[in-house]
Amino acid sequence: MQPSPGSRTRDGSVGDGTGARVSVGVLLSAASAITFSAKAIFVKLAFAAAPVDALTLLTLRMLYAAPFYVVLSFWAARRATRPWTSRTLLAALGLGFVGYYLASLLDFLGLEHISAALERLVLFLYPTIVVLISAALQRRPITRREGLALLLSYAGILVVMAKDATPRGDTASLWMGCGLVFASAIAYAIYLVGAQRLIAEVGSIRFTSAAMLVSSTCAALHFGATRSPAALGQPAAVHGLAFAMAVISTVIPTLLLGAAIKRIGSGRTALVGSLGPVATIALGYVVLDEPITAAQLFGAALVLAGVIVVSGARPSAAPPVRVADIA
């Protein structure tokens, strides 16, 4: 039975009873997944263009993205019905530090060691980590469905890592890269678990803008404490890639996902977001000439299967994975 016009579905979307609204929502969610997945490609291209380090590149990305979020923050504030409280503001500061600054920094550092395709697969383990954190907070055992999702997802990563860990390869660098990106996924999952309530209180765009501005400030402070301002004098190619990453893989996915969640809800948006690792594998092949192997495709299929399984878990078992709340 379809929802009546203006009614709210079980996953929070507002239905209008038309297939067109759902189709548009799916397209918006798919576009957001693809544009966000391009982040790893931009990072790899920047590393190849000049000897830029991860922190400098992250700082450039955040500095270019910050003005957009200042505008979005003012726009959202004019439409807000609830003021910031000291509690929500402090929580936003903490989550912005963990979920955008720390997670991004760890992710960029990891990309210095592993391919864009493997990075996206490891990072996409975050829905399973959300399940584990939620189970720990609720002091409940892992359900069979969640256990199956964990088994599938982590088996997929091991398949890809086993293929990459050849005698001719740098196994230590492989483990270092995967470890850094996995730590990024943990930080991202912590952000998701803590962000859900705040998003409900202050709104998605308002909260995301605040978190991004916190991340930009943290990146600038970290850079100022450890680097010379001259380090920002990168070649034009690096600045162009950082700006493209800020717009295409940061601001745009946020807006697209915000529009998608209004049409199809967080549950279906999470499933469509499973296109992310596949998009990165394809982009890596086309843009970076990264090979696509049978082991990589099989591992990706296992990871996506695990995410789909866990995304379909009953609400009583775990809070929903709000892929659409962040980008």
C-alpha atoms as a PDB file:
ATOM      1  CA  MET A   1       0.000   0.000   0.000  1.00  0.00           C
ATOM      2  CA  GLN A   2       1.465   3.337  -1.074  1.00  0.00           C
ATOM      3  CA  PRO A   3       1.517   6.292   1.303  1.00  0.00           C
ATOM      4  CA  SER A   4      -1.073   8.948   0.803  1.00  0.00           C
ATOM      5  CA  PRO A   5       0.003  12.415  -0.348  1.00  0.00           C
ATOM      6  CA  GLY A   6       1.998  14.134   2.370  1.00  0.00           C
ATOM      7  CA  SER A   7       2.117  11.013   4.590  1.00  0.00           C
ATOM      8  CA  ARG A   8       5.341   9.883   6.247  1.00  0.00           C
ATOM      9  CA  THR A   9       6.713   6.431   5.512  1.00  0.00           C
ATOM     10  CA  ARG A  10       8.303   4.102   8.061  1.00  0.00           C
ATOM     11  CA  ASP A  11      11.837   5.202   7.196  1.00  0.00           C
ATOM     12  CA  GLY A  12      11.066   8.891   7.518  1.00  0.00           C
ATOM     13  CA  SER A  13      10.478   9.911   3.912  1.00  0.00           C
ATOM     14  CA  VAL A  14       7.433  11.888   2.888  1.00  0.00           C
ATOM     15  CA  GLY A  15       5.566  10.038   0.173  1.00  0.00           C
ATOM     16  CA  ASP A  16       3.350  11.513  -2.473  1.00  0.00           C
ATOM     17  CA  GLY A  17       2.093   8.241  -3.922  1.00  0.00           C
ATOM     18  CA  THR A  18       3.902   8.689  -7.246  1.00  0.00           C
ATOM     19  CA  GLY A  19       6.585   6.542  -8.807  1.00  0.00           C
ATOM     20  CA  ALA A  20       8.229   9.658 -10.223  1.00  0.00           C
ATOM     21  CA  ARG A  21       9.162  10.891  -6.741  1.00  0.00           C
ATOM     22  CA  VAL A  22      10.802   7.564  -5.929  1.00  0.00           C
ATOM     23  CA  SER A  23      12.634   7.487  -9.260  1.00  0.00           C
ATOM     24  CA  VAL A  24      13.990  10.990  -8.715  1.00  0.00           C
ATOM     25  CA  GLY A  25      15.053  10.059  -5.178  1.00  0.00           C
ATOM     26  CA  VAL A  26      16.919   6.996  -6.409  1.00  0.00           C
ATOM     27  CA  LEU A  27      18.683   9.027  -9.106  1.00  0.00           C
ATOM     28  CA  LEU A  28      19.677  11.698  -6.581  1.00  0.00           C
ATOM     29  CA  SER A  29      21.011   9.083  -4.179  1.00  0.00           C
ATOM     30  CA  ALA A  30      22.944   7.313  -6.939  1.00  0.00           C
ATOM     31  CA  ALA A  31      24.457  10.612  -8.098  1.00  0.00           C
ATOM     32  CA  SER A  32      25.528  11.427  -4.549  1.00  0.00           C
ATOM     33  CA  ALA A  33      27.159   8.004  -4.115  1.00  0.00           C
ATOM     34  CA  ILE A  34      29.109   8.389  -7.358  1.00  0.00           C
ATOM     35  CA  THR A  35      30.254  11.964  -6.704  1.00  0.00           C
ATOM     36  CA  PHE A  36      31.308  11.169  -3.141  1.00  0.00           C
ATOM     37  CA  SER A  37      33.196   8.084  -4.355  1.00  0.00           C
ATOM     38  CA  ALA A  38      35.202  10.293  -6.713  1.00  0.00           C
ATOM     39  CA  LYS A  39      37.005  11.711  -3.663  1.00  0.00           C
ATOM     40  CA  ALA A  40      39.541   8.887  -3.668  1.00  0.00           C
ATOM     41  CA  ILE A  41      40.209   9.490  -7.368  1.00  0.00           C
ATOM     42  CA  PHE A  42      40.894  13.189  -6.785  1.00  0.00           C
ATOM     43  CA  VAL A  43      43.256  12.336  -3.929  1.00  0.00           C
ATOM     44  CA  LYS A  44      45.199   9.868  -6.052  1.00  0.00           C
ATOM     45  CA  LEU A  45      45.440  12.350  -8.938  1.00  0.00           C
ATOM     46  CA  ALA A  46      46.723  15.056  -6.577  1.00  0.00           C
ATOM     47  CA  PHE A  47      49.360  12.722  -5.112  1.00  0.00           C
ATOM     48  CA  ALA A  48      50.504  11.956  -8.667  1.00  0.00           C
ATOM     49  CA  ALA A  49      50.520  15.607  -9.739  1.00  0.00           C
ATOM     50  CA  ALA A  50      52.936  16.833  -7.062  1.00  0.00           C
ATOM     51  CA  PRO A  51      54.651  15.695  -3.824  1.00  0.00           C
ATOM     52  CA  VAL A  52      51.787  16.991  -1.675  1.00  0.00           C
ATOM     53  CA  ASP A  53      51.206  15.354   1.711  1.00  0.00           C
ATOM     54  CA  ALA A  54      47.847  14.186   3.053  1.00  0.00           C
ATOM     55  CA  LEU A  55      47.402  17.001   5.606  1.00  0.00           C
ATOM     56  CA  THR A  56      48.114  19.751   3.084  1.00  0.00           C
ATOM     57  CA  LEU A  57      45.690  18.247   0.579  1.00  0.00           C
ATOM     58  CA  LEU A  58      43.022  17.818   3.254  1.00  0.00           C
ATOM     59  CA  THR A  59      43.502  21.424   4.357  1.00  0.00           C
ATOM     60  CA  LEU A  60      43.106  22.690   0.800  1.00  0.00           C
ATOM     61  CA  ARG A  61      39.946  20.626   0.365  1.00  0.00           C
ATOM     62  CA  MET A  62      38.405  21.935   3.586  1.00  0.00           C
ATOM     63  CA  LEU A  63      39.393  25.542   2.910  1.00  0.00           C
ATOM     64  CA  TYR A  64      37.741  25.422  -0.497  1.00  0.00           C
ATOM     65  CA  ALA A  65      34.620  23.733   0.909  1.00  0.00           C
ATOM     66  CA  ALA A  66      34.234  26.010   3.939  1.00  0.00           C
ATOM     67  CA  PRO A  67      32.730  29.050   2.126  1.00  0.00           C
ATOM     68  CA  PHE A  68      29.972  26.888   0.681  1.00  0.00           C
ATOM     69  CA  TYR A  69      29.085  25.614   4.147  1.00  0.00           C
ATOM     70  CA  VAL A  70      29.132  29.121   5.582  1.00  0.00           C
ATOM     71  CA  VAL A  71      26.453  30.058   3.046  1.00  0.00           C
ATOM     72  CA  LEU A  72      24.495  26.863   3.743  1.00  0.00           C
ATOM     73  CA  SER A  73      24.767  27.476   7.476  1.00  0.00           C
ATOM     74  CA  PHE A  74      23.281  30.968   7.202  1.00  0.00           C
ATOM     75  CA  TRP A  75      20.563  29.701   4.866  1.00  0.00           C
ATOM     76  CA  ALA A  76      19.634  26.864   7.228  1.00  0.00           C
ATOM     77  CA  ALA A  77      19.707  29.202  10.257  1.00  0.00           C
ATOM     78  CA  ARG A  78      17.096  31.461   8.665  1.00  0.00           C
ATOM     79  CA  ARG A  79      14.790  28.466   8.221  1.00  0.00           C
ATOM     80  CA  ALA A  80      15.498  26.915  11.631  1.00  0.00           C
ATOM     81  CA  THR A  81      12.782  26.614  14.238  1.00  0.00           C
ATOM     82  CA  ARG A  82      15.030  25.461  17.098  1.00  0.00           C
ATOM     83  CA  PRO A  83      18.025  27.379  18.468  1.00  0.00           C
ATOM     84  CA  TRP A  84      21.377  25.779  19.203  1.00  0.00           C
ATOM     85  CA  THR A  85      21.780  24.770  22.840  1.00  0.00           C
ATOM     86  CA  SER A  86      25.082  24.415  24.653  1.00  0.00           C
ATOM     87  CA  ARG A  87      24.651  20.629  24.602  1.00  0.00           C
ATOM     88  CA  THR A  88      23.938  20.334  20.895  1.00  0.00           C
ATOM     89  CA  LEU A  89      26.694  22.808  20.036  1.00  0.00           C
ATOM     90  CA  LEU A  90      29.327  20.924  22.049  1.00  0.00           C
ATOM     91  CA  ALA A  91      28.173  17.625  20.558  1.00  0.00           C
ATOM     92  CA  ALA A  92      28.400  19.091  17.048  1.00  0.00           C
ATOM     93  CA  LEU A  93      31.942  20.292  17.768  1.00  0.00           C
ATOM     94  CA  GLY A  94      33.023  16.858  18.950  1.00  0.00           C
ATOM     95  CA  LEU A  95      31.347  14.976  16.133  1.00  0.00           C
ATOM     96  CA  GLY A  96      32.699  17.390  13.541  1.00  0.00           C
ATOM     97  CA  PHE A  97      36.212  16.738  14.844  1.00  0.00           C
ATOM     98  CA  VAL A  98      35.812  12.948  14.804  1.00  0.00           C
ATOM     99  CA  GLY A  99      33.588  12.418  11.801  1.00  0.00           C
ATOM    100  CA  TYR A 100      34.979  14.851   9.266  1.00  0.00           C
ATOM    101  CA  TYR A 101      38.443  15.995  10.334  1.00  0.00           C
ATOM    102  CA  LEU A 102      39.864  12.828  11.911  1.00  0.00           C
ATOM    103  CA  ALA A 103      38.089  10.417   9.557  1.00  0.00           C
ATOM    104  CA  SER A 104      39.173  12.404   6.493  1.00  0.00           C
ATOM    105  CA  LEU A 105      42.771  12.733   7.659  1.00  0.00           C
ATOM    106  CA  LEU A 106      43.073   8.991   8.310  1.00  0.00           C
ATOM    107  CA  ASP A 107      41.462   8.255   4.948  1.00  0.00           C
ATOM    108  CA  PHE A 108      43.868  10.548   3.067  1.00  0.00           C
ATOM    109  CA  LEU A 109      46.846   8.999   4.863  1.00  0.00           C
ATOM    110  CA  GLY A 110      45.601   5.536   3.946  1.00  0.00           C
ATOM    111  CA  LEU A 111      45.348   6.485   0.280  1.00  0.00           C
ATOM    112  CA  GLU A 112      49.100   7.076   0.301  1.00  0.00           C
ATOM    113  CA  HIS A 113      49.486   3.284   0.643  1.00  0.00           C
ATOM    114  CA  ILE A 114      46.574   1.528  -1.100  1.00  0.00           C
ATOM    115  CA  SER A 115      44.508   1.804  -4.269  1.00  0.00           C
ATOM    116  CA  ALA A 116      41.366   3.897  -4.507  1.00  0.00           C
ATOM    117  CA  ALA A 117      39.260   0.759  -5.056  1.00  0.00           C
ATOM    118  CA  LEU A 118      40.561  -1.010  -1.934  1.00  0.00           C
ATOM    119  CA  GLU A 119      40.216   2.203   0.086  1.00  0.00           C
ATOM    120  CA  ARG A 120      36.535   2.475  -0.786  1.00  0.00           C
ATOM    121  CA  LEU A 121      35.877  -1.174   0.100  1.00  0.00           C
ATOM    122  CA  VAL A 122      37.549  -0.840   3.513  1.00  0.00           C
ATOM    123  CA  LEU A 123      35.863   2.481   4.228  1.00  0.00           C
ATOM    124  CA  PHE A 124      32.488   1.035   3.293  1.00  0.00           C
ATOM    125  CA  LEU A 125      32.715  -1.298   6.289  1.00  0.00           C
ATOM    126  CA  TYR A 126      31.384   1.572   8.404  1.00  0.00           C
ATOM    127  CA  PRO A 127      27.751   0.327   8.375  1.00  0.00           C
ATOM    128  CA  THR A 128      28.888  -2.901  10.036  1.00  0.00           C
ATOM    129  CA  ILE A 129      30.873  -0.899  12.607  1.00  0.00           C
ATOM    130  CA  VAL A 130      27.742   1.134  13.340  1.00  0.00           C
ATOM    131  CA  VAL A 131      25.990  -2.157  14.122  1.00  0.00           C
ATOM    132  CA  LEU A 132      28.759  -3.210  16.514  1.00  0.00           C
ATOM    133  CA  ILE A 133      28.822   0.171  18.291  1.00  0.00           C
ATOM    134  CA  SER A 134      25.030   0.227  18.572  1.00  0.00           C
ATOM    135  CA  ALA A 135      24.978  -3.298  19.992  1.00  0.00           C
ATOM    136  CA  ALA A 136      27.625  -2.347  22.549  1.00  0.00           C
ATOM    137  CA  LEU A 137      25.752   0.785  23.608  1.00  0.00           C
ATOM    138  CA  GLN A 138      22.492  -1.135  23.886  1.00  0.00           C
ATOM    139  CA  ARG A 139      24.261  -4.025  25.672  1.00  0.00           C
ATOM    140  CA  ARG A 140      22.696  -6.615  23.430  1.00  0.00           C
ATOM    141  CA  PRO A 141      24.130  -9.550  21.483  1.00  0.00           C
ATOM    142  CA  ILE A 142      24.726  -9.447  17.727  1.00  0.00           C
ATOM    143  CA  THR A 143      21.786 -10.944  15.836  1.00  0.00           C
ATOM    144  CA  ARG A 144      22.212 -13.692  13.249  1.00  0.00           C
ATOM    145  CA  ARG A 145      21.481 -11.263  10.444  1.00  0.00           C
ATOM    146  CA  GLU A 146      24.067  -8.821  11.712  1.00  0.00           C
ATOM    147  CA  GLY A 147      26.568 -11.645  12.160  1.00  0.00           C
ATOM    148  CA  LEU A 148      26.025 -12.729   8.558  1.00  0.00           C
ATOM    149  CA  ALA A 149      26.525  -9.155   7.376  1.00  0.00           C
ATOM    150  CA  LEU A 150      29.789  -8.872   9.309  1.00  0.00           C
ATOM    151  CA  LEU A 151      31.024 -12.215   7.960  1.00  0.00           C
ATOM    152  CA  LEU A 152      30.266 -11.285   4.353  1.00  0.00           C
ATOM    153  CA  SER A 153      31.756  -7.791   4.560  1.00  0.00           C
ATOM    154  CA  TYR A 154      35.016  -8.683   6.263  1.00  0.00           C
ATOM    155  CA  ALA A 155      35.468 -11.790   4.105  1.00  0.00           C
ATOM    156  CA  GLY A 156      35.239  -9.526   1.072  1.00  0.00           C
ATOM    157  CA  ILE A 157      38.005  -7.270   2.367  1.00  0.00           C
ATOM    158  CA  LEU A 158      40.233 -10.270   3.150  1.00  0.00           C
ATOM    159  CA  VAL A 159      39.728 -11.606  -0.378  1.00  0.00           C
ATOM    160  CA  VAL A 160      40.912  -8.333  -1.931  1.00  0.00           C
ATOM    161  CA  MET A 161      43.785  -7.920   0.530  1.00  0.00           C
ATOM    162  CA  ALA A 162      44.961 -11.500  -0.071  1.00  0.00           C
ATOM    163  CA  LYS A 163      45.116 -10.779  -3.794  1.00  0.00           C
ATOM    164  CA  ASP A 164      47.073  -7.542  -3.246  1.00  0.00           C
ATOM    165  CA  ALA A 165      49.465  -9.062  -0.680  1.00  0.00           C
ATOM    166  CA  THR A 166      51.666 -10.801  -3.261  1.00  0.00           C
ATOM    167  CA  PRO A 167      55.359 -11.600  -2.638  1.00  0.00           C
ATOM    168  CA  ARG A 168      56.276  -8.790  -5.039  1.00  0.00           C
ATOM    169  CA  GLY A 169      54.082  -6.268  -3.263  1.00  0.00           C
ATOM    170  CA  ASP A 170      54.756  -4.150  -0.180  1.00  0.00           C
ATOM    171  CA  THR A 171      52.711  -6.071   2.389  1.00  0.00           C
ATOM    172  CA  ALA A 172      53.639  -3.704   5.218  1.00  0.00           C
ATOM    173  CA  SER A 173      52.363  -0.716   3.230  1.00  0.00           C
ATOM    174  CA  LEU A 174      49.191  -2.636   2.362  1.00  0.00           C
ATOM    175  CA  TRP A 175      48.428  -3.329   6.016  1.00  0.00           C
ATOM    176  CA  MET A 176      49.311   0.240   6.979  1.00  0.00           C
ATOM    177  CA  GLY A 177      46.947   1.662   4.363  1.00  0.00           C
ATOM    178  CA  CYS A 178      44.101  -0.681   5.234  1.00  0.00           C
ATOM    179  CA  GLY A 179      44.611  -0.026   8.941  1.00  0.00           C
ATOM    180  CA  LEU A 180      44.449   3.745   8.479  1.00  0.00           C
ATOM    181  CA  VAL A 181      41.325   3.563   6.315  1.00  0.00           C
ATOM    182  CA  PHE A 182      39.699   1.123   8.751  1.00  0.00           C
ATOM    183  CA  ALA A 183      40.413   3.585  11.570  1.00  0.00           C
ATOM    184  CA  SER A 184      38.757   6.214   9.378  1.00  0.00           C
ATOM    185  CA  ALA A 185      35.713   3.954   9.039  1.00  0.00           C
ATOM    186  CA  ILE A 186      35.555   3.606  12.836  1.00  0.00           C
ATOM    187  CA  ALA A 187      35.670   7.392  13.277  1.00  0.00           C
ATOM    188  CA  TYR A 188      32.987   7.771  10.622  1.00  0.00           C
ATOM    189  CA  ALA A 189      30.786   5.176  12.349  1.00  0.00           C
ATOM    190  CA  ILE A 190      31.158   6.965  15.695  1.00  0.00           C
ATOM    191  CA  TYR A 191      30.035  10.137  13.966  1.00  0.00           C
ATOM    192  CA  LEU A 192      26.969   8.406  12.530  1.00  0.00           C
ATOM    193  CA  VAL A 193      25.897   6.930  15.851  1.00  0.00           C
ATOM    194  CA  GLY A 194      26.203  10.287  17.598  1.00  0.00           C
ATOM    195  CA  ALA A 195      24.827  12.407  14.782  1.00  0.00           C
ATOM    196  CA  GLN A 196      21.381  10.854  14.379  1.00  0.00           C
ATOM    197  CA  ARG A 197      19.807  12.549  17.384  1.00  0.00           C
ATOM    198  CA  LEU A 198      21.414  15.914  16.633  1.00  0.00           C
ATOM    199  CA  ILE A 199      20.246  15.809  13.023  1.00  0.00           C
ATOM    200  CA  ALA A 200      16.714  15.213  14.258  1.00  0.00           C
ATOM    201  CA  GLU A 201      17.023  18.215  16.581  1.00  0.00           C
ATOM    202  CA  VAL A 202      18.711  20.851  14.405  1.00  0.00           C
ATOM    203  CA  GLY A 203      18.297  19.556  10.840  1.00  0.00           C
ATOM    204  CA  SER A 204      20.599  17.769   8.398  1.00  0.00           C
ATOM    205  CA  ILE A 205      22.005  20.770   6.478  1.00  0.00           C
ATOM    206  CA  ARG A 206      22.414  22.839   9.623  1.00  0.00           C
ATOM    207  CA  PHE A 207      24.261  20.095  11.478  1.00  0.00           C
ATOM    208  CA  THR A 208      26.360  19.017   8.495  1.00  0.00           C
ATOM    209  CA  SER A 209      27.403  22.605   7.807  1.00  0.00           C
ATOM    210  CA  ALA A 210      28.461  23.074  11.419  1.00  0.00           C
ATOM    211  CA  ALA A 211      30.402  19.794  11.414  1.00  0.00           C
ATOM    212  CA  MET A 212      32.163  20.678   8.161  1.00  0.00           C
ATOM    213  CA  LEU A 213      33.155  24.105   9.478  1.00  0.00           C
ATOM    214  CA  VAL A 214      34.546  22.471  12.627  1.00  0.00           C
ATOM    215  CA  SER A 215      36.517  20.078  10.436  1.00  0.00           C
ATOM    216  CA  SER A 216      37.837  22.959   8.336  1.00  0.00           C
ATOM    217  CA  THR A 217      38.993  24.777  11.473  1.00  0.00           C
ATOM    218  CA  CYS A 218      40.690  21.663  12.867  1.00  0.00           C
ATOM    219  CA  ALA A 219      42.484  21.011   9.581  1.00  0.00           C
ATOM    220  CA  ALA A 220      43.670  24.630   9.419  1.00  0.00           C
ATOM    221  CA  LEU A 221      44.906  24.549  13.034  1.00  0.00           C
ATOM    222  CA  HIS A 222      46.699  21.222  12.484  1.00  0.00           C
ATOM    223  CA  PHE A 223      48.293  22.578   9.331  1.00  0.00           C
ATOM    224  CA  GLY A 224      49.317  25.835  11.011  1.00  0.00           C
ATOM    225  CA  ALA A 225      50.951  23.966  13.884  1.00  0.00           C
ATOM    226  CA  THR A 226      52.926  21.517  11.758  1.00  0.00           C
ATOM    227  CA  ARG A 227      53.468  23.105   8.351  1.00  0.00           C
ATOM    228  CA  SER A 228      54.744  26.339   6.875  1.00  0.00           C
ATOM    229  CA  PRO A 229      52.190  28.510   5.041  1.00  0.00           C
ATOM    230  CA  ALA A 230      54.438  28.093   2.008  1.00  0.00           C
ATOM    231  CA  ALA A 231      53.277  24.461   1.820  1.00  0.00           C
ATOM    232  CA  LEU A 232      49.957  25.726   0.482  1.00  0.00           C
ATOM    233  CA  GLY A 233      51.808  27.045  -2.557  1.00  0.00           C
ATOM    234  CA  GLN A 234      51.106  23.895  -4.514  1.00  0.00           C
ATOM    235  CA  PRO A 235      50.991  23.666  -8.320  1.00  0.00           C
ATOM    236  CA  ALA A 236      47.805  24.813 -10.022  1.00  0.00           C
ATOM    237  CA  ALA A 237      46.904  21.189 -10.766  1.00  0.00           C
ATOM    238  CA  VAL A 238      46.786  20.350  -7.036  1.00  0.00           C
ATOM    239  CA  HIS A 239      44.668  23.408  -6.248  1.00  0.00           C
ATOM    240  CA  GLY A 240      42.328  22.554  -9.103  1.00  0.00           C
ATOM    241  CA  LEU A 241      41.921  18.981  -7.882  1.00  0.00           C
ATOM    242  CA  ALA A 242      41.396  20.135  -4.277  1.00  0.00           C
ATOM    243  CA  PHE A 243      38.717  22.586  -5.405  1.00  0.00           C
ATOM    244  CA  ALA A 244      37.040  19.927  -7.556  1.00  0.00           C
ATOM    245  CA  MET A 245      37.129  17.532  -4.589  1.00  0.00           C
ATOM    246  CA  ALA A 246      35.577  20.184  -2.338  1.00  0.00           C
ATOM    247  CA  VAL A 247      32.728  20.892  -4.747  1.00  0.00           C
ATOM    248  CA  ILE A 248      32.109  17.561  -6.498  1.00  0.00           C
ATOM    249  CA  SER A 249      32.929  15.137  -3.677  1.00  0.00           C
ATOM    250  CA  THR A 250      31.977  17.191  -0.608  1.00  0.00           C
ATOM    251  CA  VAL A 251      29.344  19.876  -1.110  1.00  0.00           C
ATOM    252  CA  ILE A 252      27.346  18.334  -3.953  1.00  0.00           C
ATOM    253  CA  PRO A 253      26.899  14.882  -2.305  1.00  0.00           C
ATOM    254  CA  THR A 254      25.605  16.604   0.829  1.00  0.00           C
ATOM    255  CA  LEU A 255      22.928  18.461  -1.107  1.00  0.00           C
ATOM    256  CA  LEU A 256      22.014  15.497  -3.303  1.00  0.00           C
ATOM    257  CA  LEU A 257      21.619  13.183  -0.327  1.00  0.00           C
ATOM    258  CA  GLY A 258      19.559  15.735   1.560  1.00  0.00           C
ATOM    259  CA  ALA A 259      17.180  15.865  -1.400  1.00  0.00           C
ATOM    260  CA  ALA A 260      17.153  12.077  -1.754  1.00  0.00           C
ATOM    261  CA  ILE A 261      16.278  11.427   1.889  1.00  0.00           C
ATOM    262  CA  LYS A 262      13.193  13.634   1.549  1.00  0.00           C
ATOM    263  CA  ARG A 263      11.949  11.489  -1.327  1.00  0.00           C
ATOM    264  CA  ILE A 264      12.864   7.895  -0.498  1.00  0.00           C
ATOM    265  CA  GLY A 265      13.984   7.916   3.159  1.00  0.00           C
ATOM    266  CA  SER A 266      17.215   6.825   4.777  1.00  0.00           C
ATOM    267  CA  GLY A 267      16.695   3.075   4.347  1.00  0.00           C
ATOM    268  CA  ARG A 268      16.456   3.034   0.577  1.00  0.00           C
ATOM    269  CA  THR A 269      19.085   5.751   0.280  1.00  0.00           C
ATOM    270  CA  ALA A 270      21.494   3.534   2.216  1.00  0.00           C
ATOM    271  CA  LEU A 271      20.918   0.691  -0.227  1.00  0.00           C
ATOM    272  CA  VAL A 272      21.462   2.914  -3.254  1.00  0.00           C
ATOM    273  CA  GLY A 273      24.623   4.190  -1.562  1.00  0.00           C
ATOM    274  CA  SER A 274      26.031   0.682  -2.019  1.00  0.00           C
ATOM    275  CA  LEU A 275      26.957   1.876  -5.502  1.00  0.00           C
ATOM    276  CA  GLY A 276      29.866   3.759  -3.912  1.00  0.00           C
ATOM    277  CA  PRO A 277      32.552   1.048  -3.954  1.00  0.00           C
ATOM    278  CA  VAL A 278      31.491  -0.116  -7.423  1.00  0.00           C
ATOM    279  CA  ALA A 279      31.716   3.455  -8.711  1.00  0.00           C
ATOM    280  CA  THR A 280      35.202   3.867  -7.252  1.00  0.00           C
ATOM    281  CA  ILE A 281      36.400   0.625  -8.839  1.00  0.00           C
ATOM    282  CA  ALA A 282      35.072   1.787 -12.220  1.00  0.00           C
ATOM    283  CA  LEU A 283      36.499   5.307 -11.854  1.00  0.00           C
ATOM    284  CA  GLY A 284      39.843   3.898 -10.732  1.00  0.00           C
ATOM    285  CA  TYR A 285      39.967   1.752 -13.853  1.00  0.00           C
ATOM    286  CA  VAL A 286      39.012   4.585 -16.228  1.00  0.00           C
ATOM    287  CA  VAL A 287      40.891   7.496 -14.654  1.00  0.00           C
ATOM    288  CA  LEU A 288      43.805   5.925 -12.761  1.00  0.00           C
ATOM    289  CA  ASP A 289      44.278   2.820 -14.899  1.00  0.00           C
ATOM    290  CA  GLU A 290      43.904   0.638 -11.798  1.00  0.00           C
ATOM    291  CA  PRO A 291      43.285  -2.967 -12.912  1.00  0.00           C
ATOM    292  CA  ILE A 292      39.994  -4.692 -12.188  1.00  0.00           C
ATOM    293  CA  THR A 293      40.549  -8.274 -11.064  1.00  0.00           C
ATOM    294  CA  ALA A 294      38.167 -11.152 -10.446  1.00  0.00           C
ATOM    295  CA  ALA A 295      39.194 -11.196  -6.767  1.00  0.00           C
ATOM    296  CA  GLN A 296      38.416  -7.487  -6.503  1.00  0.00           C
ATOM    297  CA  LEU A 297      34.956  -7.907  -8.012  1.00  0.00           C
ATOM    298  CA  PHE A 298      34.227 -10.934  -5.808  1.00  0.00           C
ATOM    299  CA  GLY A 299      35.398  -9.078  -2.704  1.00  0.00           C
ATOM    300  CA  ALA A 300      33.302  -6.050  -3.647  1.00  0.00           C
ATOM    301  CA  ALA A 301      30.260  -8.272  -4.112  1.00  0.00           C
ATOM    302  CA  LEU A 302      30.744  -9.742  -0.632  1.00  0.00           C
ATOM    303  CA  VAL A 303      31.132  -6.291   0.966  1.00  0.00           C
ATOM    304  CA  LEU A 304      28.044  -4.941  -0.795  1.00  0.00           C
ATOM    305  CA  ALA A 305      26.067  -8.049   0.155  1.00  0.00           C
ATOM    306  CA  GLY A 306      27.003  -7.521   3.788  1.00  0.00           C
ATOM    307  CA  VAL A 307      25.954  -3.861   3.670  1.00  0.00           C
ATOM    308  CA  ILE A 308      22.648  -4.769   2.031  1.00  0.00           C
ATOM    309  CA  VAL A 309      21.993  -7.442   4.656  1.00  0.00           C
ATOM    310  CA  VAL A 310      22.746  -5.118   7.566  1.00  0.00           C
ATOM    311  CA  SER A 311      20.792  -2.256   5.992  1.00  0.00           C
ATOM    312  CA  GLY A 312      17.744  -4.488   5.928  1.00  0.00           C
ATOM    313  CA  ALA A 313      17.969  -5.358   9.623  1.00  0.00           C
ATOM    314  CA  ARG A 314      14.881  -4.727  11.708  1.00  0.00           C
ATOM    315  CA  PRO A 315      14.757  -1.344  13.476  1.00  0.00           C
ATOM    316  CA  SER A 316      14.421  -3.129  16.798  1.00  0.00           C
ATOM    317  CA  ALA A 317      17.770  -4.804  16.258  1.00  0.00           C
ATOM    318  CA  ALA A 318      19.812  -1.688  15.569  1.00  0.00           C
ATOM    319  CA  PRO A 319      19.401   1.969  14.675  1.00  0.00           C
ATOM    320  CA  PRO A 320      19.236   2.613  10.925  1.00  0.00           C
ATOM    321  CA  VAL A 321      22.452   3.351   9.107  1.00  0.00           C
ATOM    322  CA  ARG A 322      21.896   6.942   8.021  1.00  0.00           C
ATOM    323  CA  VAL A 323      24.073   7.082   4.915  1.00  0.00           C
ATOM    324  CA  ALA A 324      21.957  10.002   3.756  1.00  0.00           C
ATOM    325  CA  ASP A 325      22.734  12.100   6.779  1.00  0.00           C
ATOM    326  CA  ILE A 326      26.347  12.598   5.789  1.00  0.00           C
ATOM    327  CA  ALA A 327      28.419  12.836   2.683  1.00  0.00           C
END
